[in-house]
Amino acid sequence: EVVPVPDNTDLFEKKILEAGGNIKVIHKPGIGHHPHSLPDPTPIVQFILNAVNMK
């Protein structure tokens, strides 16, 4: 099942941004909590590579 976005993801995203963090939320409409990946994982891989290069 999917957790309610306004009560979870939206609050987490807001807190990260308020703290000056970097976050990108990718919604998967019509899909439950599983599977965790995307049909094209490029956005996830790019986010990780960018985060590693920021250090």
PDB file of N, CA and C in Angstrom:
ATOM      1  N   GLU A   1       0.826  -1.178   0.000  1.00  0.00           N
ATOM      2  CA  GLU A   1       0.000   0.000   0.000  1.00  0.00           C
ATOM      3  C   GLU A   1       0.873   1.245   0.000  1.00  0.00           C
ATOM      4  N   VAL A   2       0.244   2.343  -0.332  1.00  0.00           N
ATOM      5  CA  VAL A   2       0.958   3.612  -0.402  1.00  0.00           C
ATOM      6  C   VAL A   2       0.630   4.452   0.826  1.00  0.00           C
ATOM      7  N   VAL A   3       1.661   5.050   1.408  1.00  0.00           N
ATOM      8  CA  VAL A   3       1.425   5.956   2.527  1.00  0.00           C
ATOM      9  C   VAL A   3       0.905   7.281   1.970  1.00  0.00           C
ATOM     10  N   PRO A   4       0.077   7.999   2.735  1.00  0.00           N
ATOM     11  CA  PRO A   4      -0.452   9.273   2.248  1.00  0.00           C
ATOM     12  C   PRO A   4       0.668  10.299   2.031  1.00  0.00           C
ATOM     13  N   VAL A   5       0.804  10.772   0.819  1.00  0.00           N
ATOM     14  CA  VAL A   5       1.873  11.711   0.470  1.00  0.00           C
ATOM     15  C   VAL A   5       1.824  12.985   1.325  1.00  0.00           C
ATOM     16  N   PRO A   6       0.665  13.620   1.504  1.00  0.00           N
ATOM     17  CA  PRO A   6       0.649  14.862   2.303  1.00  0.00           C
ATOM     18  C   PRO A   6       1.108  14.668   3.752  1.00  0.00           C
ATOM     19  N   ASP A   7       0.886  13.484   4.297  1.00  0.00           N
ATOM     20  CA  ASP A   7       1.248  13.216   5.689  1.00  0.00           C
ATOM     21  C   ASP A   7       2.662  12.681   5.857  1.00  0.00           C
ATOM     22  N   ASN A   8       3.333  12.381   4.776  1.00  0.00           N
ATOM     23  CA  ASN A   8       4.655  11.761   4.867  1.00  0.00           C
ATOM     24  C   ASN A   8       5.668  12.448   3.959  1.00  0.00           C
ATOM     25  N   THR A   9       5.625  12.136   2.688  1.00  0.00           N
ATOM     26  CA  THR A   9       6.618  12.647   1.747  1.00  0.00           C
ATOM     27  C   THR A   9       6.637  14.165   1.699  1.00  0.00           C
ATOM     28  N   ASP A  10       5.462  14.791   1.634  1.00  0.00           N
ATOM     29  CA  ASP A  10       5.416  16.252   1.556  1.00  0.00           C
ATOM     30  C   ASP A  10       6.050  16.900   2.784  1.00  0.00           C
ATOM     31  N   LEU A  11       5.783  16.352   3.957  1.00  0.00           N
ATOM     32  CA  LEU A  11       6.367  16.902   5.183  1.00  0.00           C
ATOM     33  C   LEU A  11       7.883  16.725   5.205  1.00  0.00           C
ATOM     34  N   PHE A  12       8.338  15.548   4.790  1.00  0.00           N
ATOM     35  CA  PHE A  12       9.776  15.270   4.753  1.00  0.00           C
ATOM     36  C   PHE A  12      10.474  16.212   3.771  1.00  0.00           C
ATOM     37  N   GLU A  13       9.892  16.353   2.576  1.00  0.00           N
ATOM     38  CA  GLU A  13      10.469  17.235   1.557  1.00  0.00           C
ATOM     39  C   GLU A  13      10.553  18.673   2.081  1.00  0.00           C
ATOM     40  N   LYS A  14       9.505  19.150   2.709  1.00  0.00           N
ATOM     41  CA  LYS A  14       9.477  20.513   3.244  1.00  0.00           C
ATOM     42  C   LYS A  14      10.579  20.719   4.278  1.00  0.00           C
ATOM     43  N   LYS A  15      10.750  19.766   5.184  1.00  0.00           N
ATOM     44  CA  LYS A  15      11.774  19.879   6.231  1.00  0.00           C
ATOM     45  C   LYS A  15      13.186  19.896   5.642  1.00  0.00           C
ATOM     46  N   ILE A  16      13.413  19.053   4.647  1.00  0.00           N
ATOM     47  CA  ILE A  16      14.736  19.014   4.004  1.00  0.00           C
ATOM     48  C   ILE A  16      15.036  20.351   3.341  1.00  0.00           C
ATOM     49  N   LEU A  17      14.063  20.890   2.601  1.00  0.00           N
ATOM     50  CA  LEU A  17      14.256  22.167   1.916  1.00  0.00           C
ATOM     51  C   LEU A  17      14.444  23.309   2.911  1.00  0.00           C
ATOM     52  N   GLU A  18      13.679  23.303   3.999  1.00  0.00           N
ATOM     53  CA  GLU A  18      13.824  24.334   5.030  1.00  0.00           C
ATOM     54  C   GLU A  18      15.208  24.303   5.667  1.00  0.00           C
ATOM     55  N   ALA A  19      15.803  23.127   5.730  1.00  0.00           N
ATOM     56  CA  ALA A  19      17.137  22.977   6.313  1.00  0.00           C
ATOM     57  C   ALA A  19      18.243  23.269   5.299  1.00  0.00           C
ATOM     58  N   GLY A  20      17.847  23.647   4.076  1.00  0.00           N
ATOM     59  CA  GLY A  20      18.835  23.960   3.050  1.00  0.00           C
ATOM     60  C   GLY A  20      19.322  22.752   2.286  1.00  0.00           C
ATOM     61  N   GLY A  21      18.631  21.636   2.448  1.00  0.00           N
ATOM     62  CA  GLY A  21      19.028  20.404   1.772  1.00  0.00           C
ATOM     63  C   GLY A  21      18.553  20.337   0.337  1.00  0.00           C
ATOM     64  N   ASN A  22      18.952  19.287  -0.316  1.00  0.00           N
ATOM     65  CA  ASN A  22      18.613  19.040  -1.713  1.00  0.00           C
ATOM     66  C   ASN A  22      17.779  17.770  -1.775  1.00  0.00           C
ATOM     67  N   ILE A  23      16.605  17.869  -2.370  1.00  0.00           N
ATOM     68  CA  ILE A  23      15.733  16.702  -2.470  1.00  0.00           C
ATOM     69  C   ILE A  23      14.942  16.775  -3.763  1.00  0.00           C
ATOM     70  N   LYS A  24      14.731  15.633  -4.363  1.00  0.00           N
ATOM     71  CA  LYS A  24      13.870  15.533  -5.541  1.00  0.00           C
ATOM     72  C   LYS A  24      12.953  14.342  -5.310  1.00  0.00           C
ATOM     73  N   VAL A  25      11.666  14.605  -5.258  1.00  0.00           N
ATOM     74  CA  VAL A  25      10.680  13.554  -5.053  1.00  0.00           C
ATOM     75  C   VAL A  25      10.178  13.102  -6.415  1.00  0.00           C
ATOM     76  N   ILE A  26      10.205  11.803  -6.632  1.00  0.00           N
ATOM     77  CA  ILE A  26       9.714  11.218  -7.881  1.00  0.00           C
ATOM     78  C   ILE A  26       8.472  10.412  -7.543  1.00  0.00           C
ATOM     79  N   HIS A  27       7.330  10.885  -8.008  1.00  0.00           N
ATOM     80  CA  HIS A  27       6.075  10.178  -7.763  1.00  0.00           C
ATOM     81  C   HIS A  27       5.853   9.138  -8.856  1.00  0.00           C
ATOM     82  N   LYS A  28       5.284   8.015  -8.469  1.00  0.00           N
ATOM     83  CA  LYS A  28       4.981   6.935  -9.409  1.00  0.00           C
ATOM     84  C   LYS A  28       3.468   6.722  -9.411  1.00  0.00           C
ATOM     85  N   PRO A  29       2.733   7.521 -10.187  1.00  0.00           N
ATOM     86  CA  PRO A  29       1.268   7.415 -10.188  1.00  0.00           C
ATOM     87  C   PRO A  29       0.788   6.019 -10.569  1.00  0.00           C
ATOM     88  N   GLY A  30      -0.204   5.556  -9.846  1.00  0.00           N
ATOM     89  CA  GLY A  30      -0.813   4.270 -10.163  1.00  0.00           C
ATOM     90  C   GLY A  30      -0.035   3.059  -9.694  1.00  0.00           C
ATOM     91  N   ILE A  31       1.072   3.289  -8.973  1.00  0.00           N
ATOM     92  CA  ILE A  31       1.903   2.180  -8.499  1.00  0.00           C
ATOM     93  C   ILE A  31       1.955   2.255  -6.981  1.00  0.00           C
ATOM     94  N   GLY A  32       1.881   1.122  -6.334  1.00  0.00           N
ATOM     95  CA  GLY A  32       1.977   1.087  -4.878  1.00  0.00           C
ATOM     96  C   GLY A  32       3.400   1.297  -4.408  1.00  0.00           C
ATOM     97  N   HIS A  33       3.671   0.881  -3.194  1.00  0.00           N
ATOM     98  CA  HIS A  33       5.000   1.059  -2.600  1.00  0.00           C
ATOM     99  C   HIS A  33       6.063   0.234  -3.327  1.00  0.00           C
ATOM    100  N   HIS A  34       5.681  -0.883  -3.878  1.00  0.00           N
ATOM    101  CA  HIS A  34       6.613  -1.750  -4.615  1.00  0.00           C
ATOM    102  C   HIS A  34       6.210  -1.790  -6.073  1.00  0.00           C
ATOM    103  N   PRO A  35       7.065  -1.912  -7.010  1.00  0.00           N
ATOM    104  CA  PRO A  35       8.519  -2.030  -6.887  1.00  0.00           C
ATOM    105  C   PRO A  35       9.145  -0.677  -6.559  1.00  0.00           C
ATOM    106  N   HIS A  36      10.364  -0.731  -5.992  1.00  0.00           N
ATOM    107  CA  HIS A  36      11.030   0.496  -5.565  1.00  0.00           C
ATOM    108  C   HIS A  36      11.696   1.239  -6.713  1.00  0.00           C
ATOM    109  N   SER A  37      12.034   0.585  -7.772  1.00  0.00           N
ATOM    110  CA  SER A  37      12.754   1.229  -8.859  1.00  0.00           C
ATOM    111  C   SER A  37      11.782   1.914  -9.814  1.00  0.00           C
ATOM    112  N   LEU A  38      12.342   2.508 -10.843  1.00  0.00           N
ATOM    113  CA  LEU A  38      11.577   3.119 -11.928  1.00  0.00           C
ATOM    114  C   LEU A  38      11.859   2.335 -13.199  1.00  0.00           C
ATOM    115  N   PRO A  39      10.965   2.415 -14.186  1.00  0.00           N
ATOM    116  CA  PRO A  39      11.258   1.746 -15.464  1.00  0.00           C
ATOM    117  C   PRO A  39      12.595   2.222 -16.045  1.00  0.00           C
ATOM    118  N   ASP A  40      12.879   3.508 -15.875  1.00  0.00           N
ATOM    119  CA  ASP A  40      14.171   4.068 -16.283  1.00  0.00           C
ATOM    120  C   ASP A  40      14.807   4.670 -15.028  1.00  0.00           C
ATOM    121  N   PRO A  41      15.809   4.011 -14.456  1.00  0.00           N
ATOM    122  CA  PRO A  41      16.403   4.490 -13.205  1.00  0.00           C
ATOM    123  C   PRO A  41      17.372   5.665 -13.367  1.00  0.00           C
ATOM    124  N   THR A  42      17.482   6.221 -14.563  1.00  0.00           N
ATOM    125  CA  THR A  42      18.432   7.306 -14.812  1.00  0.00           C
ATOM    126  C   THR A  42      18.304   8.465 -13.826  1.00  0.00           C
ATOM    127  N   PRO A  43      17.092   8.955 -13.503  1.00  0.00           N
ATOM    128  CA  PRO A  43      17.019  10.071 -12.544  1.00  0.00           C
ATOM    129  C   PRO A  43      17.590   9.724 -11.167  1.00  0.00           C
ATOM    130  N   ILE A  44      17.423   8.488 -10.752  1.00  0.00           N
ATOM    131  CA  ILE A  44      17.952   8.064  -9.449  1.00  0.00           C
ATOM    132  C   ILE A  44      19.475   7.991  -9.498  1.00  0.00           C
ATOM    133  N   VAL A  45      19.994   7.397 -10.547  1.00  0.00           N
ATOM    134  CA  VAL A  45      21.445   7.278 -10.710  1.00  0.00           C
ATOM    135  C   VAL A  45      22.076   8.662 -10.794  1.00  0.00           C
ATOM    136  N   GLN A  46      21.463   9.565 -11.557  1.00  0.00           N
ATOM    137  CA  GLN A  46      22.009  10.915 -11.714  1.00  0.00           C
ATOM    138  C   GLN A  46      22.008  11.671 -10.390  1.00  0.00           C
ATOM    139  N   PHE A  47      20.946  11.495  -9.601  1.00  0.00           N
ATOM    140  CA  PHE A  47      20.882  12.142  -8.287  1.00  0.00           C
ATOM    141  C   PHE A  47      22.029  11.662  -7.397  1.00  0.00           C
ATOM    142  N   ILE A  48      22.271  10.363  -7.398  1.00  0.00           N
ATOM    143  CA  ILE A  48      23.345   9.795  -6.572  1.00  0.00           C
ATOM    144  C   ILE A  48      24.706  10.299  -7.044  1.00  0.00           C
ATOM    145  N   LEU A  49      24.931  10.282  -8.349  1.00  0.00           N
ATOM    146  CA  LEU A  49      26.211  10.755  -8.881  1.00  0.00           C
ATOM    147  C   LEU A  49      26.430  12.230  -8.551  1.00  0.00           C
ATOM    148  N   ASN A  50      25.392  13.043  -8.674  1.00  0.00           N
ATOM    149  CA  ASN A  50      25.510  14.460  -8.328  1.00  0.00           C
ATOM    150  C   ASN A  50      25.814  14.631  -6.846  1.00  0.00           C
ATOM    151  N   ALA A  51      25.169  13.852  -5.997  1.00  0.00           N
ATOM    152  CA  ALA A  51      25.387  13.951  -4.555  1.00  0.00           C
ATOM    153  C   ALA A  51      26.820  13.572  -4.191  1.00  0.00           C
ATOM    154  N   VAL A  52      27.354  12.556  -4.822  1.00  0.00           N
ATOM    155  CA  VAL A  52      28.724  12.120  -4.550  1.00  0.00           C
ATOM    156  C   VAL A  52      29.714  13.190  -4.994  1.00  0.00           C
ATOM    157  N   ASN A  53      29.446  13.821  -6.122  1.00  0.00           N
ATOM    158  CA  ASN A  53      30.348  14.847  -6.640  1.00  0.00           C
ATOM    159  C   ASN A  53      30.292  16.137  -5.838  1.00  0.00           C
ATOM    160  N   MET A  54      29.264  16.319  -5.011  1.00  0.00           N
ATOM    161  CA  MET A  54      29.129  17.533  -4.208  1.00  0.00           C
ATOM    162  C   MET A  54      30.045  17.516  -2.998  1.00  0.00           C
ATOM    163  N   LYS A  55      30.575  16.356  -2.643  1.00  0.00           N
ATOM    164  CA  LYS A  55      31.401  16.247  -1.438  1.00  0.00           C
ATOM    165  C   LYS A  55      32.815  16.697  -1.702  1.00  0.00           C
TER     166      LYS A  55
END
